[in-house]
N, C-alpha and C. Protein backbone atom coordinates (compact mmCIF):
# COMPACT_ATOMS: atom_id res chain seq x y z
N MET A 1 0.90 -1.53 0.05
CA MET A 1 -0.02 0.28 0.00
C MET A 1 1.04 1.24 0.06
N SER A 2 0.25 2.32 -0.60
CA SER A 2 1.02 3.38 -0.68
C SER A 2 0.21 4.41 0.57
N GLU A 3 1.01 5.30 0.57
CA GLU A 3 0.31 6.49 1.62
C GLU A 3 -0.79 7.26 1.15
N ARG A 4 -1.31 6.93 -0.22
CA ARG A 4 -2.70 7.44 -0.76
C ARG A 4 -3.86 6.96 -0.48
N PHE A 5 -3.60 5.61 0.46
CA PHE A 5 -4.54 4.61 0.73
C PHE A 5 -4.29 4.24 2.30
N CYS A 6 -5.75 3.92 2.90
CA CYS A 6 -5.53 3.67 4.52
C CYS A 6 -4.92 2.40 4.59
N VAL A 7 -4.34 2.08 5.66
CA VAL A 7 -3.28 0.94 5.88
C VAL A 7 -4.69 -0.01 6.13
N ASP A 8 -5.16 0.52 7.04
CA ASP A 8 -6.55 -0.62 7.67
C ASP A 8 -7.47 -0.92 7.02
N CYS A 9 -7.97 -0.11 6.05
CA CYS A 9 -9.34 -0.48 5.10
C CYS A 9 -9.08 -0.32 3.46
N ALA A 10 -7.83 0.27 3.17
CA ALA A 10 -7.63 0.41 1.74
C ALA A 10 -8.55 1.31 1.16
N MET A 11 -9.02 2.12 1.72
CA MET A 11 -9.86 3.41 1.01
C MET A 11 -9.00 4.45 0.56
N PRO A 12 -9.03 4.84 -0.36
CA PRO A 12 -8.31 6.34 -0.79
C PRO A 12 -8.27 7.55 0.18
N LEU A 13 -7.20 7.94 0.62
CA LEU A 13 -7.31 9.08 1.71
C LEU A 13 -7.56 10.21 0.82
N VAL A 14 -8.10 11.25 1.31
CA VAL A 14 -8.55 12.56 0.60
C VAL A 14 -7.73 13.61 1.45
N HIS A 15 -7.21 14.39 0.87
CA HIS A 15 -6.43 15.55 1.48
C HIS A 15 -7.47 16.62 1.48
N LEU A 16 -7.50 17.12 2.87
CA LEU A 16 -8.65 18.29 3.10
C LEU A 16 -8.07 19.67 2.36
N PRO A 17 -8.92 20.68 1.69
CA PRO A 17 -8.44 21.35 1.26
C PRO A 17 -7.85 22.68 2.55
N GLY A 18 -6.77 23.49 1.77
CA GLY A 18 -6.27 24.34 2.91
C GLY A 18 -4.84 24.34 2.71
N PRO A 19 -4.15 25.23 3.72
CA PRO A 19 -2.75 25.22 3.52
C PRO A 19 -1.86 23.91 3.33
N GLU A 20 -0.97 23.68 2.89
CA GLU A 20 -0.02 22.66 2.56
C GLU A 20 0.73 22.47 4.06
N ARG A 21 0.72 21.67 4.82
CA ARG A 21 1.49 21.40 6.22
C ARG A 21 2.87 21.08 5.58
N ASP A 22 3.75 21.82 6.29
CA ASP A 22 5.30 21.18 6.09
C ASP A 22 5.63 19.89 6.68
N PRO A 23 6.29 18.64 5.88
CA PRO A 23 6.01 17.41 6.34
C PRO A 23 6.93 17.25 7.45
N GLY A 24 7.89 18.20 7.51
CA GLY A 24 9.24 18.23 8.41
C GLY A 24 10.32 17.75 7.82
N GLU A 25 11.28 17.90 8.20
CA GLU A 25 12.77 17.34 7.70
C GLU A 25 12.90 15.65 7.65
N ARG A 26 12.65 15.28 8.97
CA ARG A 26 12.50 13.69 9.02
C ARG A 26 12.02 13.11 7.90
N ARG A 27 10.50 13.77 8.10
CA ARG A 27 9.67 12.62 6.86
C ARG A 27 10.31 12.82 5.66
N ARG A 28 10.76 14.12 5.33
CA ARG A 28 11.11 14.36 3.86
C ARG A 28 12.52 13.52 3.55
N LEU A 29 13.47 13.34 4.71
CA LEU A 29 14.34 12.30 4.45
C LEU A 29 13.94 11.08 4.43
N ALA A 30 12.90 10.71 5.21
CA ALA A 30 12.33 9.24 5.11
C ALA A 30 11.97 8.81 3.86
N ARG A 31 11.44 9.68 3.07
CA ARG A 31 10.74 9.64 1.97
C ARG A 31 11.60 9.05 0.71
N LYS A 32 13.06 9.27 0.89
CA LYS A 32 13.92 9.23 0.00
C LYS A 32 14.45 7.71 0.22
N ILE A 33 14.30 6.93 1.22
CA ILE A 33 14.50 5.56 1.47
C ILE A 33 13.55 4.80 0.62
N LYS A 34 14.41 3.64 -0.24
CA LYS A 34 13.95 2.88 -1.04
C LYS A 34 13.92 1.38 0.05
N PRO A 35 12.95 1.03 -0.10
CA PRO A 35 12.23 -0.40 1.04
C PRO A 35 13.39 -1.37 0.63
N GLN A 36 13.75 -1.83 -0.62
CA GLN A 36 14.30 -2.69 -0.72
C GLN A 36 16.07 -2.86 -0.10
N TYR A 37 16.14 -1.40 0.32
CA TYR A 37 17.56 -1.16 0.80
C TYR A 37 17.29 -1.13 2.62
N ALA A 38 16.18 -1.43 2.73
CA ALA A 38 15.89 -1.10 4.41
C ALA A 38 15.57 -2.48 5.32
N GLN A 39 16.17 -3.77 4.54
CA GLN A 39 15.85 -5.10 5.23
C GLN A 39 17.27 -5.70 5.63
N GLY A 40 17.15 -6.14 6.72
CA GLY A 40 18.34 -7.17 7.43
C GLY A 40 19.32 -6.48 8.61
N TYR A 41 20.02 -7.06 9.10
CA TYR A 41 20.83 -6.58 9.83
C TYR A 41 22.03 -5.75 9.67
N LEU A 42 22.27 -4.73 10.44
CA LEU A 42 23.03 -3.88 9.84
C LEU A 42 24.40 -4.06 10.03
N VAL A 43 25.38 -3.92 8.72
CA VAL A 43 26.58 -4.18 8.54
C VAL A 43 27.49 -2.91 8.27
N LYS A 44 28.68 -3.12 8.39
CA LYS A 44 29.41 -1.77 8.28
C LYS A 44 29.78 -2.15 6.79
N VAL A 45 29.86 -0.79 6.22
CA VAL A 45 29.93 -0.62 4.76
C VAL A 45 31.63 0.27 4.51
N THR A 46 31.64 1.22 5.23
CA THR A 46 32.84 1.79 5.44
C THR A 46 33.41 2.61 6.81
N GLN A 47 34.35 3.57 6.64
CA GLN A 47 34.59 3.97 7.79
C GLN A 47 35.06 5.44 7.84
N ALA A 48 34.33 6.20 8.49
CA ALA A 48 34.63 7.99 8.44
C ALA A 48 35.90 8.22 9.30
N GLN A 49 36.37 9.41 9.21
CA GLN A 49 37.45 9.88 10.14
C GLN A 49 37.28 10.92 10.90
N ASN A 50 35.84 11.25 10.87
CA ASN A 50 35.35 12.25 11.68
C ASN A 50 33.69 12.29 11.49
N LEU A 51 33.09 12.83 12.43
CA LEU A 51 31.67 13.04 12.32
C LEU A 51 31.23 13.78 11.24
N SER A 52 31.91 14.96 10.85
CA SER A 52 31.37 15.45 9.32
C SER A 52 31.60 14.73 8.37
N GLU A 53 32.46 13.95 8.43
CA GLU A 53 32.84 13.06 7.08
C GLU A 53 31.54 11.86 6.85
N ALA A 54 31.49 11.38 8.30
CA ALA A 54 29.95 10.27 8.40
C ALA A 54 28.85 11.01 7.84
N GLU A 55 28.41 12.33 8.55
CA GLU A 55 27.32 12.90 7.94
C GLU A 55 27.33 12.89 6.34
N LEU A 56 28.57 13.30 5.86
CA LEU A 56 28.42 13.58 4.31
C LEU A 56 28.19 12.45 3.94
N ILE A 57 28.80 11.13 4.18
CA ILE A 57 28.64 9.90 3.65
C ILE A 57 27.32 9.58 3.95
N LEU A 58 26.47 9.70 5.10
CA LEU A 58 25.20 9.11 4.97
C LEU A 58 24.37 10.10 4.37
N MET A 59 24.58 11.09 3.96
CA MET A 59 23.61 12.06 3.10
C MET A 59 23.94 11.56 1.55
N LEU A 60 25.25 11.18 1.50
CA LEU A 60 25.32 10.50 -0.33
C LEU A 60 24.71 9.23 -0.19
N LEU A 61 24.59 8.40 0.72
CA LEU A 61 23.85 7.24 0.86
C LEU A 61 22.34 7.43 0.82
N LEU A 62 21.55 8.40 1.70
CA LEU A 62 20.40 8.77 1.19
C LEU A 62 20.19 9.21 -0.07
N GLU A 63 20.86 9.81 -0.46
CA GLU A 63 20.37 10.23 -2.23
C GLU A 63 19.99 9.04 -2.94
N GLU A 64 20.90 7.84 -2.48
CA GLU A 64 20.70 6.70 -3.47
C GLU A 64 19.49 5.96 -2.69
N GLY A 65 18.92 6.58 -1.89
CA GLY A 65 17.78 5.56 -1.17
C GLY A 65 18.45 4.44 -0.21
N ILE A 66 19.68 4.71 0.34
CA ILE A 66 20.26 3.40 1.14
C ILE A 66 20.06 4.45 2.64
N PRO A 67 19.42 3.77 3.46
CA PRO A 67 19.29 4.43 4.96
C PRO A 67 20.68 3.95 5.70
N GLY A 68 21.16 4.75 6.30
CA GLY A 68 22.48 4.32 7.24
C GLY A 68 22.26 5.32 8.70
N LEU A 69 23.47 4.72 9.42
CA LEU A 69 23.81 5.26 10.47
C LEU A 69 25.04 5.19 10.91
N GLN A 70 25.38 6.11 11.68
CA GLN A 70 26.92 5.99 11.97
C GLN A 70 27.22 5.79 13.68
N GLN A 71 28.21 5.20 14.09
CA GLN A 71 28.64 4.88 15.22
C GLN A 71 29.88 4.96 15.46
N ARG A 72 30.50 5.27 16.72
CA ARG A 72 31.79 5.19 16.97
C ARG A 72 32.72 4.01 16.80
N ALA A 73 33.56 4.15 16.33
CA ALA A 73 34.44 2.88 15.80
C ALA A 73 35.11 2.26 17.12
N VAL A 74 35.13 0.97 17.09
CA VAL A 74 35.52 0.34 18.15
C VAL A 74 36.89 0.07 17.88
N GLY A 75 37.76 0.07 18.97
CA GLY A 75 39.18 -0.37 19.05
C GLY A 75 39.96 0.67 18.41
N PHE A 76 39.63 2.01 18.21
CA PHE A 76 40.61 2.94 17.87
C PHE A 76 40.83 3.91 18.91
N ASP A 77 42.22 4.29 18.96
CA ASP A 77 42.43 5.49 19.94
C ASP A 77 41.73 6.69 19.84
N GLN A 78 41.88 7.01 18.50
CA GLN A 78 40.90 8.22 18.05
C GLN A 78 39.55 8.11 18.00
N PRO A 79 39.17 8.88 18.98
CA PRO A 79 37.57 9.02 19.40
C PRO A 79 36.76 9.39 18.25
N ASP A 80 37.19 9.98 17.25
CA ASP A 80 36.32 10.78 16.31
C ASP A 80 36.05 9.58 15.07
N TYR A 81 36.81 8.62 14.83
CA TYR A 81 36.57 7.62 13.77
C TYR A 81 35.15 7.10 14.01
N ARG A 82 34.36 7.20 12.92
CA ARG A 82 32.94 6.30 12.80
C ARG A 82 32.91 5.23 11.73
N ASP A 83 31.91 4.22 12.31
CA ASP A 83 31.79 3.23 11.36
C ASP A 83 30.11 3.50 10.70
N ILE A 84 30.07 3.49 9.49
CA ILE A 84 28.85 3.46 8.57
C ILE A 84 28.28 2.38 8.29
N LEU A 85 27.10 2.04 9.03
CA LEU A 85 26.23 0.93 8.94
C LEU A 85 25.26 1.00 7.93
N VAL A 86 24.90 0.03 7.38
CA VAL A 86 23.65 0.03 6.68
C VAL A 86 22.77 -1.37 6.53
N PRO A 87 21.61 -1.38 6.62
CA PRO A 87 20.97 -2.51 6.30
C PRO A 87 21.47 -3.60 5.28
N GLU A 88 21.55 -4.96 5.45
CA GLU A 88 22.40 -6.06 4.80
C GLU A 88 22.13 -5.77 3.54
N SER A 89 20.42 -5.77 3.12
CA SER A 89 20.03 -5.56 1.88
C SER A 89 20.52 -4.31 1.17
N GLY A 90 20.96 -3.34 1.65
CA GLY A 90 21.67 -2.13 1.05
C GLY A 90 23.29 -2.02 1.01
N ALA A 91 23.50 -2.98 1.27
CA ALA A 91 25.27 -3.17 1.82
C ALA A 91 25.78 -2.93 0.15
N GLU A 92 25.59 -3.81 -0.69
CA GLU A 92 26.36 -3.84 -2.02
C GLU A 92 26.25 -2.33 -2.60
N ALA A 93 24.65 -2.15 -2.60
CA ALA A 93 24.50 -0.84 -3.17
C ALA A 93 25.41 0.24 -2.77
N ALA A 94 25.58 0.37 -1.51
CA ALA A 94 26.20 1.23 -0.68
C ALA A 94 27.62 1.31 -1.06
N ARG A 95 28.18 -0.02 -1.08
CA ARG A 95 29.58 0.01 -1.37
C ARG A 95 30.02 0.42 -2.94
N GLU A 96 28.88 0.09 -3.92
CA GLU A 96 28.96 0.75 -5.14
C GLU A 96 28.84 2.22 -5.14
N ALA A 97 28.41 2.69 -4.28
CA ALA A 97 27.84 4.16 -4.50
C ALA A 97 29.08 4.69 -4.04
N LEU A 98 29.51 4.08 -2.73
CA LEU A 98 30.68 4.89 -2.38
C LEU A 98 31.96 4.52 -3.05
N ALA A 99 32.34 3.57 -3.91
CA ALA A 99 33.48 3.27 -4.63
C ALA A 99 34.04 4.33 -5.04
N PRO A 100 33.57 5.28 -5.99
CA PRO A 100 34.48 6.31 -6.36
C PRO A 100 35.27 7.43 -5.32
N ILE A 101 34.62 7.47 -4.18
CA ILE A 101 35.03 8.18 -2.93
C ILE A 101 36.33 7.23 -2.41
N GLU A 102 36.15 5.94 -2.44
CA GLU A 102 36.96 5.17 -1.68
C GLU A 102 38.16 4.95 -2.26
N ARG A 103 38.04 5.05 -3.83
CA ARG A 103 39.50 5.01 -4.49
C ARG A 103 40.02 6.27 -4.38
N ARG A 104 39.34 7.37 -4.61
CA ARG A 104 39.91 8.73 -4.64
C ARG A 104 40.78 8.88 -3.20
N THR A 105 40.33 8.58 -2.20
CA THR A 105 40.68 8.53 -0.86
C THR A 105 42.39 7.65 -0.80
N VAL A 106 42.15 6.57 -1.29
CA VAL A 106 43.56 5.76 -1.46
C VAL A 106 44.57 5.92 -2.24
N ASP A 107 44.27 6.84 -3.04
CA ASP A 107 45.47 7.05 -4.35
C ASP A 107 46.27 8.14 -3.55
């Protein structure tokens, strides 16, 4: 079902006339997520050197429809290192989307 129909009864939803409500930033971002990339356990796809880089990577992934999150990397003396995690179903697509960036940082 899409949000054009009621989840319970499958009847079409009708929008009331009036000013458009701002859906909010979180809802706008959530609408970018492709359901096929949101299944399974979280897996690490890359690592960022700091919080700003982690947020940039997460926004790049979201533009591809891949949800993700960052967490402090385990085992590093540097507290700024962040692991980037995505659901299993989106891991391959995430690695492909990040491949040009990974290659540039290695060179």
